[in-house]
N, C-alpha and C. Protein backbone atom coordinates (compact mmCIF):
# COMPACT_ATOMS: atom_id res chain seq x y z
N MET A 1 0.85 -1.09 0.03
CA MET A 1 0.03 -0.02 0.13
C MET A 1 0.79 1.38 -0.10
N GLU A 2 0.64 2.00 -0.96
CA GLU A 2 1.43 3.16 -1.18
C GLU A 2 1.75 4.30 -0.04
N HIS A 3 0.32 4.40 0.73
CA HIS A 3 0.32 5.31 1.67
C HIS A 3 0.36 4.71 3.14
N ARG A 4 0.78 3.92 3.46
CA ARG A 4 0.35 3.12 4.58
C ARG A 4 1.26 3.63 5.83
N PHE A 5 2.24 4.26 5.59
CA PHE A 5 3.08 4.95 6.71
C PHE A 5 2.40 6.37 7.00
N SER A 6 1.94 6.86 6.06
CA SER A 6 1.31 8.19 6.18
C SER A 6 -0.02 8.13 6.76
N ILE A 7 -0.67 6.98 6.35
CA ILE A 7 -2.07 6.61 7.29
C ILE A 7 -1.64 6.40 8.73
N ALA A 8 -0.69 5.41 8.93
CA ALA A 8 -0.43 5.32 10.27
C ALA A 8 -0.02 6.39 11.14
N PHE A 9 0.61 7.34 10.45
CA PHE A 9 1.13 8.54 11.24
C PHE A 9 -0.16 9.42 11.46
N ILE A 10 -0.86 9.70 10.47
CA ILE A 10 -2.07 10.60 10.67
C ILE A 10 -3.08 9.79 11.88
N LEU A 11 -3.31 8.59 11.87
CA LEU A 11 -4.19 7.82 12.86
C LEU A 11 -3.71 7.96 14.02
N PHE A 12 -2.25 7.89 14.19
CA PHE A 12 -1.53 7.96 15.47
C PHE A 12 -1.75 9.55 15.80
N VAL A 13 -1.59 10.34 15.27
CA VAL A 13 -1.63 11.84 15.57
C VAL A 13 -3.17 12.11 16.19
N ILE A 14 -4.18 11.66 15.39
CA ILE A 14 -5.51 11.73 15.87
C ILE A 14 -5.82 10.96 17.28
N ALA A 15 -5.33 9.82 17.22
CA ALA A 15 -5.29 9.16 18.38
C ALA A 15 -4.82 9.92 19.53
N SER A 16 -3.68 10.44 19.50
CA SER A 16 -3.01 11.20 20.56
C SER A 16 -3.58 12.41 20.67
N ILE A 17 -4.04 13.13 19.66
CA ILE A 17 -4.73 14.38 20.17
C ILE A 17 -6.09 14.18 20.78
N THR A 18 -6.96 13.02 20.40
CA THR A 18 -8.08 12.69 21.10
C THR A 18 -7.74 12.43 22.55
N ASP A 19 -6.85 11.61 22.83
CA ASP A 19 -6.45 11.17 24.22
C ASP A 19 -6.11 12.55 25.10
N PHE A 20 -5.37 13.48 24.67
CA PHE A 20 -5.06 14.78 25.22
C PHE A 20 -6.46 15.33 25.41
N LEU A 21 -7.10 15.63 24.26
CA LEU A 21 -8.63 16.28 24.71
C LEU A 21 -9.53 15.68 25.70
N ASP A 22 -9.31 14.45 25.56
CA ASP A 22 -10.29 13.63 26.63
C ASP A 22 -9.85 14.13 28.17
N GLY A 23 -8.55 14.05 28.43
CA GLY A 23 -8.26 14.28 29.66
C GLY A 23 -8.46 15.80 30.11
N TYR A 24 -7.94 16.85 28.99
CA TYR A 24 -8.19 18.10 29.30
C TYR A 24 -9.46 18.54 29.57
N ILE A 25 -10.66 17.96 28.81
CA ILE A 25 -12.02 18.25 28.92
C ILE A 25 -12.38 17.65 30.26
N ALA A 26 -12.24 16.51 30.64
CA ALA A 26 -12.43 15.91 31.93
C ALA A 26 -11.94 16.59 33.11
N ARG A 27 -10.72 17.32 33.10
CA ARG A 27 -10.28 18.13 33.85
C ARG A 27 -10.93 19.34 34.34
N LYS A 28 -10.90 20.13 33.12
CA LYS A 28 -11.57 21.29 32.87
C LYS A 28 -12.83 21.38 33.27
N HIS A 29 -13.69 20.35 33.11
CA HIS A 29 -15.14 20.47 33.30
C HIS A 29 -15.49 19.51 34.72
N ASN A 30 -14.52 19.12 35.53
CA ASN A 30 -14.51 18.50 36.42
C ASN A 30 -15.44 17.03 36.30
N LEU A 31 -14.93 16.31 35.08
CA LEU A 31 -15.87 15.09 34.91
C LEU A 31 -14.85 13.96 35.09
N ILE A 32 -13.78 13.96 35.91
CA ILE A 32 -13.20 13.14 36.31
C ILE A 32 -13.94 11.97 37.38
N THR A 33 -13.69 10.79 36.76
CA THR A 33 -14.38 9.42 37.24
C THR A 33 -13.20 8.55 37.70
N ASP A 34 -13.52 7.60 38.53
CA ASP A 34 -12.79 6.50 38.74
C ASP A 34 -12.55 5.51 37.73
N PHE A 35 -13.51 5.43 36.91
CA PHE A 35 -13.53 4.71 35.66
C PHE A 35 -12.51 5.28 34.52
N GLY A 36 -12.57 6.73 34.52
CA GLY A 36 -11.55 7.37 33.71
C GLY A 36 -10.12 7.19 34.08
N LYS A 37 -9.87 7.22 35.55
CA LYS A 37 -8.70 7.14 36.13
C LYS A 37 -8.05 5.76 35.57
N LEU A 38 -8.93 4.75 35.65
CA LEU A 38 -8.37 3.35 35.55
C LEU A 38 -8.37 3.44 33.87
N MET A 39 -9.17 3.95 33.02
CA MET A 39 -9.29 3.57 31.80
C MET A 39 -8.20 4.34 30.90
N ASP A 40 -8.27 5.38 31.21
CA ASP A 40 -7.25 6.54 30.35
C ASP A 40 -5.92 6.10 30.46
N PRO A 41 -5.20 5.60 31.39
CA PRO A 41 -3.94 5.09 31.44
C PRO A 41 -3.89 3.93 30.52
N LEU A 42 -5.09 2.89 30.72
CA LEU A 42 -4.92 1.80 29.85
C LEU A 42 -4.90 1.91 28.49
N ALA A 43 -5.86 3.17 28.06
CA ALA A 43 -5.94 3.35 26.51
C ALA A 43 -4.56 3.91 26.09
N ASP A 44 -3.89 4.75 27.14
CA ASP A 44 -2.72 5.19 26.70
C ASP A 44 -1.66 4.04 26.34
N LYS A 45 -1.79 2.90 27.41
CA LYS A 45 -0.78 1.80 26.86
C LYS A 45 -1.04 1.05 25.80
N VAL A 46 -2.71 0.85 25.40
CA VAL A 46 -2.78 0.18 23.98
C VAL A 46 -2.09 0.87 22.84
N LEU A 47 -2.22 2.22 22.99
CA LEU A 47 -1.79 3.13 21.85
C LEU A 47 -0.25 3.07 21.86
N MET A 48 0.30 3.08 22.91
CA MET A 48 1.85 2.99 22.99
C MET A 48 2.26 1.55 22.47
N CYS A 49 1.89 0.60 23.19
CA CYS A 49 2.22 -0.65 22.92
C CYS A 49 2.00 -0.98 21.30
N GLY A 50 0.86 -0.63 20.87
CA GLY A 50 0.88 -0.81 19.28
C GLY A 50 2.00 0.06 18.51
N GLY A 51 2.33 1.31 19.01
CA GLY A 51 3.17 1.86 18.15
C GLY A 51 4.72 1.38 18.50
N PHE A 52 4.99 0.90 19.59
CA PHE A 52 6.29 0.38 19.70
C PHE A 52 6.43 -0.91 19.14
N VAL A 53 5.43 -1.94 19.32
CA VAL A 53 5.46 -3.03 18.56
C VAL A 53 5.77 -2.85 17.08
N LEU A 54 5.02 -1.99 16.54
CA LEU A 54 5.22 -1.71 14.92
C LEU A 54 6.46 -1.39 14.54
N LEU A 55 7.17 -0.54 15.63
CA LEU A 55 8.56 -0.05 15.31
C LEU A 55 9.63 -1.38 15.38
N VAL A 56 9.13 -2.16 16.21
CA VAL A 56 10.10 -3.19 16.62
C VAL A 56 10.08 -4.30 15.23
N GLU A 57 8.74 -4.41 14.63
CA GLU A 57 8.59 -5.10 13.48
C GLU A 57 9.27 -4.47 12.19
N LEU A 58 9.28 -3.31 12.37
CA LEU A 58 9.98 -2.62 11.29
C LEU A 58 11.33 -2.22 11.22
N ASP A 59 11.91 -3.08 12.61
CA ASP A 59 13.02 -2.88 12.80
C ASP A 59 14.01 -1.58 13.15
N MET A 60 13.03 -0.73 13.68
CA MET A 60 13.46 0.54 14.03
C MET A 60 13.79 0.85 15.38
N MET A 61 13.41 -0.02 16.15
CA MET A 61 13.72 0.04 17.59
C MET A 61 14.02 -1.23 18.09
N PRO A 62 15.05 -1.30 19.10
CA PRO A 62 15.56 -2.43 19.67
C PRO A 62 14.23 -3.32 20.51
N GLY A 63 14.04 -4.34 20.28
CA GLY A 63 13.10 -5.22 21.15
C GLY A 63 13.37 -5.23 22.42
N TRP A 64 14.47 -5.08 23.00
CA TRP A 64 14.76 -5.25 24.49
C TRP A 64 14.28 -3.90 25.10
N VAL A 65 14.41 -2.82 24.30
CA VAL A 65 13.80 -1.42 24.76
C VAL A 65 12.03 -1.48 24.85
N VAL A 66 11.56 -2.26 24.06
CA VAL A 66 10.16 -2.25 24.02
C VAL A 66 9.80 -3.23 25.03
N VAL A 67 10.40 -4.33 25.26
CA VAL A 67 10.17 -4.98 26.43
C VAL A 67 10.31 -4.46 27.77
N ALA A 68 11.24 -3.69 27.89
CA ALA A 68 11.29 -2.91 29.17
C ALA A 68 10.39 -1.82 29.31
N ILE A 69 9.77 -1.45 28.27
CA ILE A 69 8.73 -0.21 28.45
C ILE A 69 7.45 -0.87 28.82
N LEU A 70 7.11 -2.01 27.93
CA LEU A 70 5.95 -2.92 28.08
C LEU A 70 5.89 -3.71 29.32
N ALA A 71 6.87 -3.95 30.23
CA ALA A 71 6.90 -4.61 31.57
C ALA A 71 6.74 -3.58 32.45
N ARG A 72 7.33 -2.16 32.35
CA ARG A 72 6.85 -1.11 33.22
C ARG A 72 5.24 -0.88 33.04
N GLU A 73 4.77 -0.71 32.07
CA GLU A 73 3.40 -0.45 31.69
C GLU A 73 2.55 -1.65 32.05
N PHE A 74 2.93 -2.62 32.16
CA PHE A 74 2.04 -3.94 32.59
C PHE A 74 2.16 -3.88 34.18
N LEU A 75 3.36 -3.63 34.71
CA LEU A 75 3.49 -3.58 36.17
C LEU A 75 2.66 -2.61 36.71
N MET A 76 2.66 -1.48 36.12
CA MET A 76 1.73 -0.20 36.54
C MET A 76 0.45 -0.59 36.63
N THR A 77 -0.14 -1.28 35.45
CA THR A 77 -1.54 -1.81 35.31
C THR A 77 -1.84 -2.77 36.32
N GLY A 78 -0.91 -3.88 36.61
CA GLY A 78 -1.22 -4.50 37.67
C GLY A 78 -1.35 -3.94 38.96
N LEU A 79 -0.54 -3.01 39.43
CA LEU A 79 -0.73 -2.43 40.57
C LEU A 79 -1.88 -1.57 40.61
N ARG A 80 -2.45 -0.80 39.46
CA ARG A 80 -3.58 -0.04 39.73
C ARG A 80 -4.44 -1.25 39.68
N LEU A 81 -4.58 -2.38 39.30
CA LEU A 81 -5.75 -3.22 39.52
C LEU A 81 -5.76 -3.81 40.83
N VAL A 82 -4.79 -4.22 41.41
CA VAL A 82 -4.59 -4.66 42.86
C VAL A 82 -5.06 -3.49 43.81
N ALA A 83 -4.74 -2.23 43.50
CA ALA A 83 -5.43 -1.01 44.34
C ALA A 83 -6.76 -1.11 44.23
N ALA A 84 -7.28 -1.12 42.91
CA ALA A 84 -8.68 -0.96 42.78
C ALA A 84 -9.69 -1.99 43.41
N ALA A 85 -8.89 -3.24 43.38
CA ALA A 85 -9.62 -4.20 44.25
C ALA A 85 -9.73 -4.09 45.35
N GLU A 86 -8.96 -3.24 46.14
CA GLU A 86 -8.86 -2.93 47.36
C GLU A 86 -10.09 -1.61 47.69
N GLY A 87 -10.24 -0.95 46.71
CA GLY A 87 -11.18 0.18 46.68
C GLY A 87 -10.53 1.45 46.63
N LYS A 88 -9.01 1.39 46.24
CA LYS A 88 -8.40 2.54 45.90
C LYS A 88 -8.20 2.75 44.39
N VAL A 89 -7.94 4.06 44.12
CA VAL A 89 -7.63 4.51 42.74
C VAL A 89 -6.18 5.28 42.82
N LEU A 90 -5.31 4.57 41.97
CA LEU A 90 -4.08 5.12 41.76
C LEU A 90 -3.89 6.08 40.42
N ALA A 91 -4.31 7.25 40.50
CA ALA A 91 -4.05 8.03 39.30
C ALA A 91 -2.90 8.43 38.78
N ALA A 92 -2.88 8.63 37.50
CA ALA A 92 -1.39 8.90 36.82
C ALA A 92 -0.88 10.27 37.48
N GLU A 93 0.44 10.35 37.30
CA GLU A 93 1.12 11.19 37.90
C GLU A 93 1.81 11.93 37.06
N ASN A 94 2.26 13.30 37.11
CA ASN A 94 3.04 14.14 36.33
C ASN A 94 3.99 13.60 35.67
N LEU A 95 5.04 12.99 36.31
CA LEU A 95 6.07 12.24 35.49
C LEU A 95 5.59 11.33 34.74
N GLY A 96 4.64 10.51 35.02
CA GLY A 96 3.97 9.63 33.95
C GLY A 96 3.38 10.16 32.72
N LYS A 97 2.82 11.38 32.84
CA LYS A 97 2.11 12.06 31.81
C LYS A 97 3.40 12.39 31.05
N HIS A 98 4.58 12.80 31.54
CA HIS A 98 5.79 13.46 30.67
C HIS A 98 6.32 12.27 29.89
N LYS A 99 6.17 11.05 30.57
CA LYS A 99 6.79 9.96 29.93
C LYS A 99 5.88 9.53 28.77
N THR A 100 4.59 9.57 28.97
CA THR A 100 3.64 9.18 27.83
C THR A 100 3.67 10.35 26.67
N VAL A 101 4.13 11.52 26.95
CA VAL A 101 4.23 12.53 25.78
C VAL A 101 5.34 12.31 24.95
N TRP A 102 6.48 11.83 25.80
CA TRP A 102 7.69 11.79 25.08
C TRP A 102 7.79 10.43 24.25
N GLN A 103 7.08 9.41 24.99
CA GLN A 103 7.00 8.00 24.01
C GLN A 103 5.99 8.56 23.02
N ILE A 104 5.02 9.47 22.93
CA ILE A 104 4.00 9.65 21.68
C ILE A 104 4.86 10.18 20.99
N ILE A 105 5.91 11.29 21.24
CA ILE A 105 6.72 11.89 20.24
C ILE A 105 7.85 11.08 19.49
N THR A 106 8.21 10.13 20.58
CA THR A 106 9.05 9.31 19.80
C THR A 106 8.43 8.30 18.70
N VAL A 107 7.10 7.80 18.86
CA VAL A 107 6.66 7.12 17.92
C VAL A 107 6.20 8.02 16.71
N LEU A 108 5.69 9.15 16.77
CA LEU A 108 5.37 9.93 15.85
C LEU A 108 6.55 10.47 15.20
N TYR A 109 7.66 10.46 15.75
CA TYR A 109 9.02 10.99 15.07
C TYR A 109 9.21 9.80 13.98
N PHE A 110 9.27 8.37 14.38
CA PHE A 110 9.38 7.44 13.63
C PHE A 110 8.52 7.18 12.61
N LEU A 111 7.09 7.36 12.87
CA LEU A 111 6.13 7.15 11.77
C LEU A 111 6.25 8.21 10.80
N LEU A 112 6.82 9.36 11.23
CA LEU A 112 6.91 10.51 10.19
C LEU A 112 8.00 10.20 9.36
N ALA A 113 9.02 9.56 9.98
CA ALA A 113 10.44 9.24 9.04
C ALA A 113 10.01 8.25 8.27
N LEU A 114 8.96 7.28 8.49
CA LEU A 114 9.01 6.25 7.46
C LEU A 114 7.61 7.00 6.55
N ALA A 115 6.97 7.76 6.90
CA ALA A 115 5.89 8.50 5.97
C ALA A 115 6.56 9.31 5.06
N ALA A 116 7.84 9.76 5.27
CA ALA A 116 8.75 10.52 4.49
C ALA A 116 8.91 9.93 3.24
N SER A 117 9.13 8.64 3.24
CA SER A 117 9.28 7.82 2.03
C SER A 117 8.42 7.64 1.12
N GLU A 118 7.00 8.43 1.52
CA GLU A 118 5.85 8.38 0.67
C GLU A 118 5.58 9.61 0.16
N PRO A 119 4.69 9.67 -0.84
CA PRO A 119 4.18 10.94 -1.65
C PRO A 119 3.75 12.13 -0.67
N LEU A 120 2.77 11.70 0.18
CA LEU A 120 2.01 12.67 1.08
C LEU A 120 3.22 13.62 1.87
N PHE A 121 4.38 12.82 2.48
CA PHE A 121 5.13 13.24 3.38
C PHE A 121 6.59 13.52 2.95
N GLY A 122 6.91 13.23 1.40
CA GLY A 122 8.01 13.12 0.81
C GLY A 122 9.11 14.43 1.10
N TRP A 123 8.30 15.47 1.27
CA TRP A 123 8.63 16.95 1.09
C TRP A 123 9.66 17.08 2.47
N LEU A 124 9.40 16.06 3.43
CA LEU A 124 10.23 15.99 4.86
C LEU A 124 11.50 15.12 4.64
N THR A 125 11.65 14.40 3.57
CA THR A 125 12.92 13.55 3.43
C THR A 125 14.22 14.44 3.72
N PRO A 126 14.69 15.56 3.38
CA PRO A 126 15.62 16.16 3.73
C PRO A 126 15.83 16.53 5.33
N PHE A 127 14.84 16.71 5.96
CA PHE A 127 14.97 16.74 7.41
C PHE A 127 15.41 15.40 7.90
N PHE A 128 15.13 14.44 7.40
CA PHE A 128 15.60 13.20 8.13
C PHE A 128 16.88 12.76 7.41
N ASP A 129 17.45 13.44 6.35
CA ASP A 129 18.63 13.03 5.87
C ASP A 129 19.71 14.12 6.55
N TRP A 130 19.14 15.16 7.38
CA TRP A 130 20.29 15.63 8.04
C TRP A 130 20.72 15.03 9.25
N LYS A 131 22.00 15.12 9.51
CA LYS A 131 22.61 14.13 10.54
C LYS A 131 21.85 14.40 11.72
N ILE A 132 21.83 15.60 12.30
CA ILE A 132 21.45 15.57 13.78
C ILE A 132 19.73 15.25 13.83
N THR A 133 19.15 15.35 12.77
CA THR A 133 17.64 14.81 12.83
C THR A 133 17.31 13.52 12.16
N SER A 134 18.46 12.92 11.82
CA SER A 134 18.36 11.55 11.60
C SER A 134 17.81 10.38 12.28
N VAL A 135 17.27 9.41 11.91
CA VAL A 135 16.84 8.16 12.63
C VAL A 135 18.16 7.64 13.42
N ALA A 136 19.28 7.95 12.94
CA ALA A 136 20.44 7.18 13.65
C ALA A 136 21.03 8.22 14.93
N VAL A 137 20.53 9.56 14.71
CA VAL A 137 20.91 10.35 15.80
C VAL A 137 19.78 10.79 16.58
N LEU A 138 18.73 11.44 16.11
CA LEU A 138 17.71 12.05 16.92
C LEU A 138 16.71 10.65 17.22
N GLY A 139 16.76 9.99 16.26
CA GLY A 139 15.56 8.61 16.58
C GLY A 139 16.24 7.92 17.66
N GLN A 140 17.49 7.49 17.90
CA GLN A 140 18.34 7.01 19.22
C GLN A 140 18.14 7.57 20.45
N ILE A 141 17.95 9.11 20.28
CA ILE A 141 18.10 10.03 21.46
C ILE A 141 16.28 9.83 21.93
N LEU A 142 15.74 9.98 21.11
CA LEU A 142 14.19 9.84 21.37
C LEU A 142 14.06 8.47 22.06
N ILE A 143 14.29 7.41 21.57
CA ILE A 143 14.29 5.83 22.18
C ILE A 143 14.68 5.98 23.54
N TYR A 144 16.16 6.19 23.83
CA TYR A 144 16.67 6.25 25.05
C TYR A 144 16.06 7.12 26.15
N LEU A 145 15.55 8.43 25.71
CA LEU A 145 14.81 9.53 26.45
C LEU A 145 13.43 8.75 27.15
N SER A 146 12.68 8.27 26.08
CA SER A 146 11.55 7.52 26.37
C SER A 146 11.82 6.56 27.32
N LEU A 147 12.97 5.55 26.96
CA LEU A 147 13.34 4.27 28.20
C LEU A 147 13.60 5.08 29.43
N ALA A 148 14.46 6.23 29.50
CA ALA A 148 14.86 6.56 30.68
C ALA A 148 13.57 7.18 31.58
N LEU A 149 12.55 7.76 31.00
CA LEU A 149 11.42 8.35 31.79
C LEU A 149 10.56 7.31 31.91
N THR A 150 10.65 6.09 31.17
CA THR A 150 9.76 5.22 31.51
C THR A 150 10.15 4.44 32.83
N ILE A 151 11.34 4.14 32.84
CA ILE A 151 12.07 3.62 34.13
C ILE A 151 11.99 4.40 35.28
N LEU A 152 12.19 5.79 35.08
CA LEU A 152 12.12 6.56 36.13
C LEU A 152 10.60 6.83 36.76
N SER A 153 9.88 6.89 35.77
CA SER A 153 8.46 7.13 36.05
C SER A 153 7.97 5.98 37.05
N GLY A 154 8.25 4.73 36.48
CA GLY A 154 7.72 3.53 37.03
C GLY A 154 8.50 3.45 38.44
N TRP A 155 9.82 3.66 38.58
CA TRP A 155 10.49 3.74 40.11
C TRP A 155 9.65 4.69 40.81
N ASN A 156 9.29 5.96 40.44
CA ASN A 156 8.59 6.83 41.18
C ASN A 156 7.42 6.44 41.45
N TYR A 157 6.46 5.87 40.65
CA TYR A 157 5.18 5.32 40.89
C TYR A 157 5.23 4.30 42.19
N ILE A 158 5.99 3.42 41.97
CA ILE A 158 6.02 2.45 42.76
C ILE A 158 6.66 2.87 44.30
N ARG A 159 7.61 3.68 44.18
CA ARG A 159 7.94 4.31 45.49
C ARG A 159 6.64 5.01 46.02
N LYS A 160 6.21 5.94 45.44
CA LYS A 160 4.63 6.58 46.20
C LYS A 160 3.67 5.88 46.58
N ASN A 161 3.54 4.64 45.74
CA ASN A 161 2.48 3.71 46.28
C ASN A 161 2.82 2.40 46.71
N ARG A 162 4.03 2.46 47.75
CA ARG A 162 4.49 1.09 47.83
C ARG A 162 3.76 0.49 48.89
N GLY A 163 2.80 1.51 49.66
CA GLY A 163 1.78 1.00 50.63
C GLY A 163 0.93 0.07 50.16
N VAL A 164 0.43 -0.02 48.67
CA VAL A 164 -0.27 -0.90 48.15
C VAL A 164 0.38 -2.37 47.94
N ILE A 165 1.70 -2.31 47.63
CA ILE A 165 2.41 -3.44 47.34
C ILE A 165 2.75 -4.04 48.78
N THR A 166 3.05 -3.42 49.72
CA THR A 166 3.25 -3.85 51.16
C THR A 166 1.92 -4.42 51.95
N GLU A 167 0.86 -4.13 51.35
CA GLU A 167 -0.41 -4.70 52.01
C GLU A 167 -0.90 -6.14 51.28
N TRP A 168 0.11 -6.59 50.28
CA TRP A 168 -0.32 -7.65 49.85
C TRP A 168 -0.04 -8.76 50.95
């Protein structure tokens, strides 16, 4: 399919924007619910897992990085589920939100790099040919920044919610 990466990029942009708007509207109009506190992070994980698995499949991201990211995501989801079973809701934290933003930027960067090989986004090819913005440089920086934020936010989340773990 001639425009598959362009379509993937556009769909990922739309999904990312609607995710942001959903949270923004909920906070602005005080429509925050326990269901939303549980489901919003889960929807983020589904979106990001799909993007990262695609990048591994296309050999653009090391599999071990994605395994580390997914392990953190599933661990946090498990922690939230255990807390929910005890009647507690563990909402997302700011560091986790920054992590998600950088993960989204990372996936968007790679999808756009792929889309630049297609007619719709071909005009961006010189951007990805420039050494500093190439997949080999900027792409790697984004991968390891996302990984570092993922690990740091996971550690911080466990540290702040260790009471849920010790109650097991």
